[in-house]
Amino acid sequence: MRHHRLWTLLAAAMVAGLAAVPFAARGAAQGNHGEGHDALHHWYETLRDRNGRSCCNRRDCRPTRSRVRNGNVEVMVDGIWAVVPPEKILPVPSPDSGSHVCAMQRPNAYPLGHVFCVVLGPGV
């Protein structure tokens, strides 16, 4: 009986912990333009590149997935993995512990995969 209660408590804690993990951190975000922007719009407006310029406009930042592959940091931008130049990675934490990308919607004047700035979640 005692072990059953312990396992029940552990299972409940694991489910609660998973529920507390932000949507973007769980890997569900695809970096699609417009998805998830509204939830953190106030924070996106505070992001500045290394020269102090805003790197996010009214609609271009959103949650995304991130990874390291072949020594490069990559983020998902509108369903495509894009290599992130090191100078585009901002040294700030995100309020939801997830990764976020600021990039314009395609088509635009920038090359495919161009990002203005990126905030990485822990572990990337």
PDB file of N, CA and C in Angstrom:
ATOM      1  N   MET A   1       0.828  -1.185   0.000  1.00  0.00           N
ATOM      2  CA  MET A   1       0.000   0.000   0.000  1.00  0.00           C
ATOM      3  C   MET A   1       0.879   1.258   0.000  1.00  0.00           C
ATOM      4  N   ARG A   2       1.923   1.228   0.810  1.00  0.00           N
ATOM      5  CA  ARG A   2       2.810   2.382   0.918  1.00  0.00           C
ATOM      6  C   ARG A   2       3.516   2.659  -0.411  1.00  0.00           C
ATOM      7  N   HIS A   3       3.973   1.596  -1.104  1.00  0.00           N
ATOM      8  CA  HIS A   3       4.632   1.760  -2.391  1.00  0.00           C
ATOM      9  C   HIS A   3       3.661   2.272  -3.449  1.00  0.00           C
ATOM     10  N   HIS A   4       2.429   1.805  -3.393  1.00  0.00           N
ATOM     11  CA  HIS A   4       1.419   2.253  -4.348  1.00  0.00           C
ATOM     12  C   HIS A   4       1.202   3.765  -4.209  1.00  0.00           C
ATOM     13  N   ARG A   5       1.121   4.237  -2.979  1.00  0.00           N
ATOM     14  CA  ARG A   5       0.922   5.673  -2.733  1.00  0.00           C
ATOM     15  C   ARG A   5       2.131   6.467  -3.231  1.00  0.00           C
ATOM     16  N   LEU A   6       3.330   5.951  -2.994  1.00  0.00           N
ATOM     17  CA  LEU A   6       4.538   6.625  -3.440  1.00  0.00           C
ATOM     18  C   LEU A   6       4.559   6.739  -4.964  1.00  0.00           C
ATOM     19  N   TRP A   7       4.236   5.648  -5.662  1.00  0.00           N
ATOM     20  CA  TRP A   7       4.217   5.679  -7.123  1.00  0.00           C
ATOM     21  C   TRP A   7       3.133   6.620  -7.641  1.00  0.00           C
ATOM     22  N   THR A   8       2.015   6.668  -6.980  1.00  0.00           N
ATOM     23  CA  THR A   8       0.941   7.581  -7.370  1.00  0.00           C
ATOM     24  C   THR A   8       1.403   9.028  -7.234  1.00  0.00           C
ATOM     25  N   LEU A   9       2.078   9.338  -6.129  1.00  0.00           N
ATOM     26  CA  LEU A   9       2.591  10.687  -5.922  1.00  0.00           C
ATOM     27  C   LEU A   9       3.665  11.036  -6.951  1.00  0.00           C
ATOM     28  N   LEU A  10       4.569  10.095  -7.241  1.00  0.00           N
ATOM     29  CA  LEU A  10       5.602  10.335  -8.243  1.00  0.00           C
ATOM     30  C   LEU A  10       5.000  10.552  -9.634  1.00  0.00           C
ATOM     31  N   ALA A  11       4.027   9.758 -10.003  1.00  0.00           N
ATOM     32  CA  ALA A  11       3.373   9.905 -11.304  1.00  0.00           C
ATOM     33  C   ALA A  11       2.672  11.254 -11.400  1.00  0.00           C
ATOM     34  N   ALA A  12       2.002  11.670 -10.341  1.00  0.00           N
ATOM     35  CA  ALA A  12       1.321  12.968 -10.335  1.00  0.00           C
ATOM     36  C   ALA A  12       2.324  14.103 -10.464  1.00  0.00           C
ATOM     37  N   ALA A  13       3.464  13.977  -9.797  1.00  0.00           N
ATOM     38  CA  ALA A  13       4.500  15.013  -9.876  1.00  0.00           C
ATOM     39  C   ALA A  13       5.072  15.107 -11.282  1.00  0.00           C
ATOM     40  N   MET A  14       5.266  13.956 -11.946  1.00  0.00           N
ATOM     41  CA  MET A  14       5.798  13.961 -13.299  1.00  0.00           C
ATOM     42  C   MET A  14       4.814  14.610 -14.271  1.00  0.00           C
ATOM     43  N   VAL A  15       3.536  14.298 -14.138  1.00  0.00           N
ATOM     44  CA  VAL A  15       2.519  14.888 -15.009  1.00  0.00           C
ATOM     45  C   VAL A  15       2.450  16.396 -14.772  1.00  0.00           C
ATOM     46  N   ALA A  16       2.478  16.813 -13.522  1.00  0.00           N
ATOM     47  CA  ALA A  16       2.446  18.246 -13.207  1.00  0.00           C
ATOM     48  C   ALA A  16       3.677  18.939 -13.753  1.00  0.00           C
ATOM     49  N   GLY A  17       4.818  18.301 -13.665  1.00  0.00           N
ATOM     50  CA  GLY A  17       6.052  18.882 -14.188  1.00  0.00           C
ATOM     51  C   GLY A  17       6.007  19.035 -15.687  1.00  0.00           C
ATOM     52  N   LEU A  18       5.471  18.062 -16.400  1.00  0.00           N
ATOM     53  CA  LEU A  18       5.350  18.156 -17.847  1.00  0.00           C
ATOM     54  C   LEU A  18       4.397  19.263 -18.229  1.00  0.00           C
ATOM     55  N   ALA A  19       3.312  19.407 -17.485  1.00  0.00           N
ATOM     56  CA  ALA A  19       2.350  20.462 -17.772  1.00  0.00           C
ATOM     57  C   ALA A  19       2.967  21.837 -17.571  1.00  0.00           C
ATOM     58  N   ALA A  20       3.938  21.931 -16.679  1.00  0.00           N
ATOM     59  CA  ALA A  20       4.577  23.220 -16.400  1.00  0.00           C
ATOM     60  C   ALA A  20       5.623  23.593 -17.437  1.00  0.00           C
ATOM     61  N   VAL A  21       6.056  22.631 -18.253  1.00  0.00           N
ATOM     62  CA  VAL A  21       7.050  22.923 -19.283  1.00  0.00           C
ATOM     63  C   VAL A  21       6.372  23.724 -20.387  1.00  0.00           C
ATOM     64  N   PRO A  22       6.908  24.874 -20.751  1.00  0.00           N
ATOM     65  CA  PRO A  22       6.274  25.707 -21.769  1.00  0.00           C
ATOM     66  C   PRO A  22       6.128  24.988 -23.099  1.00  0.00           C
ATOM     67  N   PHE A  23       5.130  25.406 -23.859  1.00  0.00           N
ATOM     68  CA  PHE A  23       4.830  24.844 -25.173  1.00  0.00           C
ATOM     69  C   PHE A  23       6.070  24.817 -26.050  1.00  0.00           C
ATOM     70  N   ALA A  24       6.790  25.945 -26.148  1.00  0.00           N
ATOM     71  CA  ALA A  24       7.973  26.020 -27.017  1.00  0.00           C
ATOM     72  C   ALA A  24       9.080  25.096 -26.547  1.00  0.00           C
ATOM     73  N   ALA A  25       9.235  24.959 -25.233  1.00  0.00           N
ATOM     74  CA  ALA A  25      10.310  24.135 -24.700  1.00  0.00           C
ATOM     75  C   ALA A  25      10.059  22.663 -24.950  1.00  0.00           C
ATOM     76  N   ARG A  26       8.810  22.263 -25.156  1.00  0.00           N
ATOM     77  CA  ARG A  26       8.495  20.861 -25.406  1.00  0.00           C
ATOM     78  C   ARG A  26       8.769  20.459 -26.842  1.00  0.00           C
ATOM     79  N   GLY A  27       9.197  21.416 -27.673  1.00  0.00           N
ATOM     80  CA  GLY A  27       9.545  21.071 -29.041  1.00  0.00           C
ATOM     81  C   GLY A  27       8.391  21.134 -30.013  1.00  0.00           C
ATOM     82  N   ALA A  28       7.217  21.612 -29.587  1.00  0.00           N
ATOM     83  CA  ALA A  28       6.071  21.653 -30.475  1.00  0.00           C
ATOM     84  C   ALA A  28       6.108  22.866 -31.404  1.00  0.00           C
ATOM     85  N   ALA A  29       6.797  23.924 -31.022  1.00  0.00           N
ATOM     86  CA  ALA A  29       6.846  25.131 -31.843  1.00  0.00           C
ATOM     87  C   ALA A  29       7.649  24.869 -33.108  1.00  0.00           C
ATOM     88  N   GLN A  30       7.129  25.361 -34.216  1.00  0.00           N
ATOM     89  CA  GLN A  30       7.795  25.188 -35.501  1.00  0.00           C
ATOM     90  C   GLN A  30       8.417  26.486 -36.009  1.00  0.00           C
ATOM     91  N   GLY A  31       8.354  27.539 -35.185  1.00  0.00           N
ATOM     92  CA  GLY A  31       8.908  28.819 -35.612  1.00  0.00           C
ATOM     93  C   GLY A  31       8.094  29.466 -36.709  1.00  0.00           C
ATOM     94  N   ASN A  32       6.801  29.105 -36.800  1.00  0.00           N
ATOM     95  CA  ASN A  32       5.948  29.644 -37.855  1.00  0.00           C
ATOM     96  C   ASN A  32       5.572  31.088 -37.562  1.00  0.00           C
ATOM     97  N   HIS A  33       5.645  31.898 -38.582  1.00  0.00           N
ATOM     98  CA  HIS A  33       5.353  33.314 -38.451  1.00  0.00           C
ATOM     99  C   HIS A  33       3.949  33.516 -37.874  1.00  0.00           C
ATOM    100  N   GLY A  34       3.868  34.317 -36.830  1.00  0.00           N
ATOM    101  CA  GLY A  34       2.594  34.633 -36.206  1.00  0.00           C
ATOM    102  C   GLY A  34       2.179  33.716 -35.068  1.00  0.00           C
ATOM    103  N   GLU A  35       2.718  32.505 -34.989  1.00  0.00           N
ATOM    104  CA  GLU A  35       2.312  31.572 -33.940  1.00  0.00           C
ATOM    105  C   GLU A  35       2.999  31.887 -32.619  1.00  0.00           C
ATOM    106  N   GLY A  36       2.220  32.194 -31.595  1.00  0.00           N
ATOM    107  CA  GLY A  36       2.745  32.408 -30.260  1.00  0.00           C
ATOM    108  C   GLY A  36       3.276  33.804 -29.994  1.00  0.00           C
ATOM    109  N   HIS A  37       3.247  34.681 -30.996  1.00  0.00           N
ATOM    110  CA  HIS A  37       3.790  36.027 -30.814  1.00  0.00           C
ATOM    111  C   HIS A  37       3.020  36.815 -29.755  1.00  0.00           C
ATOM    112  N   ASP A  38       1.706  36.720 -29.788  1.00  0.00           N
ATOM    113  CA  ASP A  38       0.881  37.530 -28.892  1.00  0.00           C
ATOM    114  C   ASP A  38       1.153  37.271 -27.417  1.00  0.00           C
ATOM    115  N   ALA A  39       1.477  36.047 -27.063  1.00  0.00           N
ATOM    116  CA  ALA A  39       1.671  35.703 -25.653  1.00  0.00           C
ATOM    117  C   ALA A  39       2.845  36.451 -25.035  1.00  0.00           C
ATOM    118  N   LEU A  40       3.871  36.754 -25.811  1.00  0.00           N
ATOM    119  CA  LEU A  40       5.058  37.428 -25.271  1.00  0.00           C
ATOM    120  C   LEU A  40       5.382  38.723 -26.008  1.00  0.00           C
ATOM    121  N   HIS A  41       4.402  39.323 -26.650  1.00  0.00           N
ATOM    122  CA  HIS A  41       4.632  40.544 -27.419  1.00  0.00           C
ATOM    123  C   HIS A  41       5.332  41.616 -26.586  1.00  0.00           C
ATOM    124  N   HIS A  42       4.898  41.794 -25.354  1.00  0.00           N
ATOM    125  CA  HIS A  42       5.502  42.815 -24.481  1.00  0.00           C
ATOM    126  C   HIS A  42       7.000  42.565 -24.272  1.00  0.00           C
ATOM    127  N   TRP A  43       7.393  41.303 -24.159  1.00  0.00           N
ATOM    128  CA  TRP A  43       8.810  40.965 -23.966  1.00  0.00           C
ATOM    129  C   TRP A  43       9.589  41.109 -25.272  1.00  0.00           C
ATOM    130  N   TYR A  44       9.008  40.661 -26.380  1.00  0.00           N
ATOM    131  CA  TYR A  44       9.680  40.773 -27.669  1.00  0.00           C
ATOM    132  C   TYR A  44      10.078  42.224 -27.956  1.00  0.00           C
ATOM    133  N   GLU A  45       9.230  43.163 -27.580  1.00  0.00           N
ATOM    134  CA  GLU A  45       9.515  44.575 -27.834  1.00  0.00           C
ATOM    135  C   GLU A  45      10.768  45.066 -27.107  1.00  0.00           C
ATOM    136  N   THR A  46      11.202  44.348 -26.077  1.00  0.00           N
ATOM    137  CA  THR A  46      12.387  44.767 -25.322  1.00  0.00           C
ATOM    138  C   THR A  46      13.690  44.237 -25.921  1.00  0.00           C
ATOM    139  N   LEU A  47      13.622  43.316 -26.857  1.00  0.00           N
ATOM    140  CA  LEU A  47      14.825  42.685 -27.398  1.00  0.00           C
ATOM    141  C   LEU A  47      15.628  43.653 -28.260  1.00  0.00           C
ATOM    142  N   ARG A  48      16.925  43.672 -28.023  1.00  0.00           N
ATOM    143  CA  ARG A  48      17.852  44.543 -28.750  1.00  0.00           C
ATOM    144  C   ARG A  48      19.046  43.714 -29.214  1.00  0.00           C
ATOM    145  N   ASP A  49      19.532  44.027 -30.435  1.00  0.00           N
ATOM    146  CA  ASP A  49      20.718  43.327 -30.926  1.00  0.00           C
ATOM    147  C   ASP A  49      21.959  43.888 -30.224  1.00  0.00           C
ATOM    148  N   ARG A  50      23.111  43.392 -30.599  1.00  0.00           N
ATOM    149  CA  ARG A  50      24.353  43.790 -29.917  1.00  0.00           C
ATOM    150  C   ARG A  50      24.730  45.255 -30.149  1.00  0.00           C
ATOM    151  N   ASN A  51      24.075  45.892 -31.128  1.00  0.00           N
ATOM    152  CA  ASN A  51      24.306  47.309 -31.378  1.00  0.00           C
ATOM    153  C   ASN A  51      23.250  48.185 -30.705  1.00  0.00           C
ATOM    154  N   GLY A  52      22.360  47.554 -29.931  1.00  0.00           N
ATOM    155  CA  GLY A  52      21.330  48.300 -29.210  1.00  0.00           C
ATOM    156  C   GLY A  52      20.082  48.596 -30.008  1.00  0.00           C
ATOM    157  N   ARG A  53      19.997  48.070 -31.234  1.00  0.00           N
ATOM    158  CA  ARG A  53      18.817  48.290 -32.071  1.00  0.00           C
ATOM    159  C   ARG A  53      17.762  47.221 -31.800  1.00  0.00           C
ATOM    160  N   SER A  54      16.513  47.614 -31.910  1.00  0.00           N
ATOM    161  CA  SER A  54      15.426  46.651 -31.782  1.00  0.00           C
ATOM    162  C   SER A  54      15.575  45.597 -32.869  1.00  0.00           C
ATOM    163  N   CYS A  55      15.434  44.344 -32.505  1.00  0.00           N
ATOM    164  CA  CYS A  55      15.531  43.278 -33.516  1.00  0.00           C
ATOM    165  C   CYS A  55      14.196  42.565 -33.681  1.00  0.00           C
ATOM    166  N   CYS A  56      13.136  43.202 -33.212  1.00  0.00           N
ATOM    167  CA  CYS A  56      11.810  42.600 -33.301  1.00  0.00           C
ATOM    168  C   CYS A  56      10.802  43.699 -33.620  1.00  0.00           C
ATOM    169  N   ASN A  57       9.985  43.472 -34.644  1.00  0.00           N
ATOM    170  CA  ASN A  57       8.938  44.454 -34.894  1.00  0.00           C
ATOM    171  C   ASN A  57       7.615  43.951 -34.336  1.00  0.00           C
ATOM    172  N   ARG A  58       6.534  44.445 -34.833  1.00  0.00           N
ATOM    173  CA  ARG A  58       5.242  44.127 -34.229  1.00  0.00           C
ATOM    174  C   ARG A  58       4.782  42.687 -34.410  1.00  0.00           C
ATOM    175  N   ARG A  59       5.368  41.943 -35.374  1.00  0.00           N
ATOM    176  CA  ARG A  59       4.863  40.599 -35.614  1.00  0.00           C
ATOM    177  C   ARG A  59       5.905  39.550 -35.939  1.00  0.00           C
ATOM    178  N   ASP A  60       7.188  39.859 -35.915  1.00  0.00           N
ATOM    179  CA  ASP A  60       8.150  38.906 -36.473  1.00  0.00           C
ATOM    180  C   ASP A  60       8.792  37.942 -35.477  1.00  0.00           C
ATOM    181  N   CYS A  61       8.575  38.082 -34.180  1.00  0.00           N
ATOM    182  CA  CYS A  61       9.166  37.159 -33.209  1.00  0.00           C
ATOM    183  C   CYS A  61       8.141  36.110 -32.788  1.00  0.00           C
ATOM    184  N   ARG A  62       8.660  34.922 -32.486  1.00  0.00           N
ATOM    185  CA  ARG A  62       7.766  33.830 -32.088  1.00  0.00           C
ATOM    186  C   ARG A  62       8.564  32.697 -31.447  1.00  0.00           C
ATOM    187  N   PRO A  63       7.859  31.812 -30.707  1.00  0.00           N
ATOM    188  CA  PRO A  63       8.523  30.632 -30.133  1.00  0.00           C
ATOM    189  C   PRO A  63       9.036  29.729 -31.255  1.00  0.00           C
ATOM    190  N   THR A  64      10.087  28.997 -30.957  1.00  0.00           N
ATOM    191  CA  THR A  64      10.655  28.087 -31.950  1.00  0.00           C
ATOM    192  C   THR A  64      11.339  26.925 -31.262  1.00  0.00           C
ATOM    193  N   ARG A  65      11.850  26.024 -32.042  1.00  0.00           N
ATOM    194  CA  ARG A  65      12.702  24.944 -31.538  1.00  0.00           C
ATOM    195  C   ARG A  65      14.132  25.299 -31.869  1.00  0.00           C
ATOM    196  N   SER A  66      15.062  24.758 -31.106  1.00  0.00           N
ATOM    197  CA  SER A  66      16.478  25.012 -31.358  1.00  0.00           C
ATOM    198  C   SER A  66      17.269  23.739 -31.116  1.00  0.00           C
ATOM    199  N   ARG A  67      18.438  23.695 -31.749  1.00  0.00           N
ATOM    200  CA  ARG A  67      19.311  22.534 -31.588  1.00  0.00           C
ATOM    201  C   ARG A  67      20.736  22.943 -31.973  1.00  0.00           C
ATOM    202  N   VAL A  68      21.683  22.072 -31.639  1.00  0.00           N
ATOM    203  CA  VAL A  68      23.060  22.223 -32.107  1.00  0.00           C
ATOM    204  C   VAL A  68      23.314  21.057 -33.048  1.00  0.00           C
ATOM    205  N   ARG A  69      23.779  21.382 -34.250  1.00  0.00           N
ATOM    206  CA  ARG A  69      24.040  20.354 -35.256  1.00  0.00           C
ATOM    207  C   ARG A  69      25.320  20.716 -35.996  1.00  0.00           C
ATOM    208  N   ASN A  70      26.249  19.769 -36.045  1.00  0.00           N
ATOM    209  CA  ASN A  70      27.549  19.990 -36.699  1.00  0.00           C
ATOM    210  C   ASN A  70      28.249  21.239 -36.165  1.00  0.00           C
ATOM    211  N   GLY A  71      28.099  21.479 -34.872  1.00  0.00           N
ATOM    212  CA  GLY A  71      28.763  22.610 -34.235  1.00  0.00           C
ATOM    213  C   GLY A  71      28.066  23.948 -34.422  1.00  0.00           C
ATOM    214  N   ASN A  72      26.931  23.965 -35.108  1.00  0.00           N
ATOM    215  CA  ASN A  72      26.176  25.199 -35.345  1.00  0.00           C
ATOM    216  C   ASN A  72      24.873  25.193 -34.562  1.00  0.00           C
ATOM    217  N   VAL A  73      24.485  26.363 -34.058  1.00  0.00           N
ATOM    218  CA  VAL A  73      23.162  26.508 -33.460  1.00  0.00           C
ATOM    219  C   VAL A  73      22.179  26.703 -34.603  1.00  0.00           C
ATOM    220  N   GLU A  74      21.087  25.968 -34.552  1.00  0.00           N
ATOM    221  CA  GLU A  74      20.033  26.090 -35.554  1.00  0.00           C
ATOM    222  C   GLU A  74      18.702  26.324 -34.856  1.00  0.00           C
ATOM    223  N   VAL A  75      17.828  27.088 -35.516  1.00  0.00           N
ATOM    224  CA  VAL A  75      16.468  27.285 -35.030  1.00  0.00           C
ATOM    225  C   VAL A  75      15.504  27.013 -36.173  1.00  0.00           C
ATOM    226  N   MET A  76      14.300  26.632 -35.813  1.00  0.00           N
ATOM    227  CA  MET A  76      13.263  26.392 -36.794  1.00  0.00           C
ATOM    228  C   MET A  76      12.639  27.736 -37.167  1.00  0.00           C
ATOM    229  N   VAL A  77      12.668  28.057 -38.467  1.00  0.00           N
ATOM    230  CA  VAL A  77      12.071  29.282 -38.985  1.00  0.00           C
ATOM    231  C   VAL A  77      11.075  28.891 -40.065  1.00  0.00           C
ATOM    232  N   ASP A  78       9.806  29.046 -39.751  1.00  0.00           N
ATOM    233  CA  ASP A  78       8.738  28.692 -40.690  1.00  0.00           C
ATOM    234  C   ASP A  78       8.911  27.281 -41.251  1.00  0.00           C
ATOM    235  N   GLY A  79       9.245  26.350 -40.365  1.00  0.00           N
ATOM    236  CA  GLY A  79       9.337  24.946 -40.724  1.00  0.00           C
ATOM    237  C   GLY A  79      10.663  24.508 -41.304  1.00  0.00           C
ATOM    238  N   ILE A  80      11.659  25.407 -41.392  1.00  0.00           N
ATOM    239  CA  ILE A  80      12.970  25.079 -41.958  1.00  0.00           C
ATOM    240  C   ILE A  80      14.039  25.351 -40.907  1.00  0.00           C
ATOM    241  N   TRP A  81      14.994  24.430 -40.751  1.00  0.00           N
ATOM    242  CA  TRP A  81      16.105  24.648 -39.824  1.00  0.00           C
ATOM    243  C   TRP A  81      17.053  25.682 -40.422  1.00  0.00           C
ATOM    244  N   ALA A  82      17.327  26.744 -39.662  1.00  0.00           N
ATOM    245  CA  ALA A  82      18.222  27.812 -40.116  1.00  0.00           C
ATOM    246  C   ALA A  82      19.417  27.905 -39.174  1.00  0.00           C
ATOM    247  N   VAL A  83      20.612  28.022 -39.732  1.00  0.00           N
ATOM    248  CA  VAL A  83      21.825  28.216 -38.938  1.00  0.00           C
ATOM    249  C   VAL A  83      21.812  29.648 -38.412  1.00  0.00           C
ATOM    250  N   VAL A  84      22.139  29.803 -37.122  1.00  0.00           N
ATOM    251  CA  VAL A  84      22.136  31.117 -36.488  1.00  0.00           C
ATOM    252  C   VAL A  84      23.578  31.609 -36.318  1.00  0.00           C
ATOM    253  N   PRO A  85      23.913  32.737 -36.934  1.00  0.00           N
ATOM    254  CA  PRO A  85      25.243  33.299 -36.695  1.00  0.00           C
ATOM    255  C   PRO A  85      25.382  33.655 -35.208  1.00  0.00           C
ATOM    256  N   PRO A  86      26.541  33.410 -34.614  1.00  0.00           N
ATOM    257  CA  PRO A  86      26.715  33.659 -33.170  1.00  0.00           C
ATOM    258  C   PRO A  86      26.331  35.071 -32.732  1.00  0.00           C
ATOM    259  N   GLU A  87      26.576  36.071 -33.572  1.00  0.00           N
ATOM    260  CA  GLU A  87      26.252  37.445 -33.188  1.00  0.00           C
ATOM    261  C   GLU A  87      24.756  37.727 -33.132  1.00  0.00           C
ATOM    262  N   LYS A  88      23.948  36.812 -33.634  1.00  0.00           N
ATOM    263  CA  LYS A  88      22.490  36.967 -33.593  1.00  0.00           C
ATOM    264  C   LYS A  88      21.875  36.367 -32.337  1.00  0.00           C
ATOM    265  N   ILE A  89      22.667  35.650 -31.543  1.00  0.00           N
ATOM    266  CA  ILE A  89      22.172  35.025 -30.320  1.00  0.00           C
ATOM    267  C   ILE A  89      22.266  36.034 -29.179  1.00  0.00           C
ATOM    268  N   LEU A  90      21.123  36.343 -28.595  1.00  0.00           N
ATOM    269  CA  LEU A  90      21.078  37.312 -27.506  1.00  0.00           C
ATOM    270  C   LEU A  90      21.364  36.624 -26.178  1.00  0.00           C
ATOM    271  N   PRO A  91      22.173  37.237 -25.327  1.00  0.00           N
ATOM    272  CA  PRO A  91      22.516  36.624 -24.037  1.00  0.00           C
ATOM    273  C   PRO A  91      21.494  36.956 -22.948  1.00  0.00           C
ATOM    274  N   VAL A  92      20.220  36.665 -23.220  1.00  0.00           N
ATOM    275  CA  VAL A  92      19.154  36.920 -22.257  1.00  0.00           C
ATOM    276  C   VAL A  92      18.292  35.673 -22.124  1.00  0.00           C
ATOM    277  N   PRO A  93      17.710  35.453 -20.960  1.00  0.00           N
ATOM    278  CA  PRO A  93      16.786  34.321 -20.802  1.00  0.00           C
ATOM    279  C   PRO A  93      15.390  34.709 -21.289  1.00  0.00           C
ATOM    280  N   SER A  94      14.635  33.727 -21.717  1.00  0.00           N
ATOM    281  CA  SER A  94      13.248  33.999 -22.106  1.00  0.00           C
ATOM    282  C   SER A  94      12.338  33.797 -20.898  1.00  0.00           C
ATOM    283  N   PRO A  95      11.225  34.498 -20.856  1.00  0.00           N
ATOM    284  CA  PRO A  95      10.325  34.375 -19.714  1.00  0.00           C
ATOM    285  C   PRO A  95       9.675  32.999 -19.579  1.00  0.00           C
ATOM    286  N   ASP A  96       9.642  32.225 -20.675  1.00  0.00           N
ATOM    287  CA  ASP A  96       9.023  30.899 -20.612  1.00  0.00           C
ATOM    288  C   ASP A  96      10.047  29.765 -20.707  1.00  0.00           C
ATOM    289  N   SER A  97      11.335  30.109 -20.651  1.00  0.00           N
ATOM    290  CA  SER A  97      12.440  29.144 -20.736  1.00  0.00           C
ATOM    291  C   SER A  97      12.532  28.449 -22.089  1.00  0.00           C
ATOM    292  N   GLY A  98      11.848  28.958 -23.080  1.00  0.00           N
ATOM    293  CA  GLY A  98      11.907  28.372 -24.411  1.00  0.00           C
ATOM    294  C   GLY A  98      12.797  29.177 -25.332  1.00  0.00           C
ATOM    295  N   SER A  99      12.969  28.680 -26.543  1.00  0.00           N
ATOM    296  CA  SER A  99      13.724  29.388 -27.568  1.00  0.00           C
ATOM    297  C   SER A  99      12.766  30.236 -28.389  1.00  0.00           C
ATOM    298  N   HIS A 100      13.285  31.375 -28.888  1.00  0.00           N
ATOM    299  CA  HIS A 100      12.471  32.306 -29.667  1.00  0.00           C
ATOM    300  C   HIS A 100      13.313  32.852 -30.803  1.00  0.00           C
ATOM    301  N   VAL A 101      12.660  33.104 -31.955  1.00  0.00           N
ATOM    302  CA  VAL A 101      13.339  33.632 -33.130  1.00  0.00           C
ATOM    303  C   VAL A 101      12.604  34.870 -33.620  1.00  0.00           C
ATOM    304  N   CYS A 102      13.381  35.839 -34.100  1.00  0.00           N
ATOM    305  CA  CYS A 102      12.826  37.019 -34.757  1.00  0.00           C
ATOM    306  C   CYS A 102      13.297  36.979 -36.205  1.00  0.00           C
ATOM    307  N   ALA A 103      12.360  36.778 -37.122  1.00  0.00           N
ATOM    308  CA  ALA A 103      12.651  36.683 -38.550  1.00  0.00           C
ATOM    309  C   ALA A 103      11.397  37.070 -39.316  1.00  0.00           C
ATOM    310  N   MET A 104      11.581  37.733 -40.449  1.00  0.00           N
ATOM    311  CA  MET A 104      10.434  38.170 -41.244  1.00  0.00           C
ATOM    312  C   MET A 104       9.754  37.000 -41.932  1.00  0.00           C
ATOM    313  N   GLN A 105       8.493  37.232 -42.270  1.00  0.00           N
ATOM    314  CA  GLN A 105       7.731  36.247 -43.019  1.00  0.00           C
ATOM    315  C   GLN A 105       8.227  36.212 -44.456  1.00  0.00           C
ATOM    316  N   ARG A 106       8.277  35.023 -45.032  1.00  0.00           N
ATOM    317  CA  ARG A 106       8.698  34.863 -46.421  1.00  0.00           C
ATOM    318  C   ARG A 106       7.511  35.129 -47.329  1.00  0.00           C
ATOM    319  N   PRO A 107       7.674  35.587 -48.525  1.00  0.00           N
ATOM    320  CA  PRO A 107       8.932  36.047 -49.102  1.00  0.00           C
ATOM    321  C   PRO A 107       9.248  37.467 -48.629  1.00  0.00           C
ATOM    322  N   ASN A 108      10.529  37.778 -48.601  1.00  0.00           N
ATOM    323  CA  ASN A 108      10.978  39.115 -48.224  1.00  0.00           C
ATOM    324  C   ASN A 108      12.331  39.377 -48.877  1.00  0.00           C
ATOM    325  N   ALA A 109      12.921  40.500 -48.552  1.00  0.00           N
ATOM    326  CA  ALA A 109      14.186  40.881 -49.189  1.00  0.00           C
ATOM    327  C   ALA A 109      15.388  40.129 -48.635  1.00  0.00           C
ATOM    328  N   TYR A 110      15.193  39.394 -47.542  1.00  0.00           N
ATOM    329  CA  TYR A 110      16.303  38.680 -46.908  1.00  0.00           C
ATOM    330  C   TYR A 110      16.408  37.253 -47.427  1.00  0.00           C
ATOM    331  N   PRO A 111      17.604  36.672 -47.398  1.00  0.00           N
ATOM    332  CA  PRO A 111      17.756  35.281 -47.854  1.00  0.00           C
ATOM    333  C   PRO A 111      17.014  34.303 -46.940  1.00  0.00           C
ATOM    334  N   LEU A 112      16.669  33.165 -47.488  1.00  0.00           N
ATOM    335  CA  LEU A 112      15.987  32.119 -46.732  1.00  0.00           C
ATOM    336  C   LEU A 112      16.776  31.789 -45.467  1.00  0.00           C
ATOM    337  N   GLY A 113      16.112  31.768 -44.324  1.00  0.00           N
ATOM    338  CA  GLY A 113      16.762  31.429 -43.068  1.00  0.00           C
ATOM    339  C   GLY A 113      17.384  32.604 -42.343  1.00  0.00           C
ATOM    340  N   HIS A 114      17.267  33.816 -42.895  1.00  0.00           N
ATOM    341  CA  HIS A 114      17.832  34.994 -42.228  1.00  0.00           C
ATOM    342  C   HIS A 114      17.058  35.283 -40.944  1.00  0.00           C
ATOM    343  N   VAL A 115      17.787  35.483 -39.861  1.00  0.00           N
ATOM    344  CA  VAL A 115      17.169  35.829 -38.580  1.00  0.00           C
ATOM    345  C   VAL A 115      17.738  37.161 -38.101  1.00  0.00           C
ATOM    346  N   PHE A 116      16.897  37.932 -37.406  1.00  0.00           N
ATOM    347  CA  PHE A 116      17.345  39.197 -36.827  1.00  0.00           C
ATOM    348  C   PHE A 116      17.983  38.957 -35.465  1.00  0.00           C
ATOM    349  N   CYS A 117      17.360  38.098 -34.659  1.00  0.00           N
ATOM    350  CA  CYS A 117      17.941  37.729 -33.377  1.00  0.00           C
ATOM    351  C   CYS A 117      17.251  36.466 -32.866  1.00  0.00           C
ATOM    352  N   VAL A 118      17.935  35.808 -31.920  1.00  0.00           N
ATOM    353  CA  VAL A 118      17.455  34.548 -31.359  1.00  0.00           C
ATOM    354  C   VAL A 118      17.740  34.552 -29.867  1.00  0.00           C
ATOM    355  N   VAL A 119      16.780  34.043 -29.103  1.00  0.00           N
ATOM    356  CA  VAL A 119      16.981  33.779 -27.677  1.00  0.00           C
ATOM    357  C   VAL A 119      16.857  32.279 -27.523  1.00  0.00           C
ATOM    358  N   LEU A 120      17.867  31.672 -26.914  1.00  0.00           N
ATOM    359  CA  LEU A 120      17.886  30.218 -26.773  1.00  0.00           C
ATOM    360  C   LEU A 120      17.400  29.792 -25.394  1.00  0.00           C
ATOM    361  N   GLY A 121      16.673  28.697 -25.372  1.00  0.00           N
ATOM    362  CA  GLY A 121      16.270  28.103 -24.102  1.00  0.00           C
ATOM    363  C   GLY A 121      17.456  27.387 -23.478  1.00  0.00           C
ATOM    364  N   PRO A 122      17.319  26.957 -22.226  1.00  0.00           N
ATOM    365  CA  PRO A 122      18.429  26.260 -21.557  1.00  0.00           C
ATOM    366  C   PRO A 122      18.803  24.972 -22.277  1.00  0.00           C
ATOM    367  N   GLY A 123      20.067  24.630 -22.221  1.00  0.00           N
ATOM    368  CA  GLY A 123      20.527  23.366 -22.769  1.00  0.00           C
ATOM    369  C   GLY A 123      20.925  23.419 -24.222  1.00  0.00           C
ATOM    370  N   VAL A 124      20.817  24.571 -24.863  1.00  0.00           N
ATOM    371  CA  VAL A 124      21.211  24.679 -26.276  1.00  0.00           C
ATOM    372  C   VAL A 124      22.560  25.356 -26.356  1.00  0.00           C
TER     373      VAL A 124
END
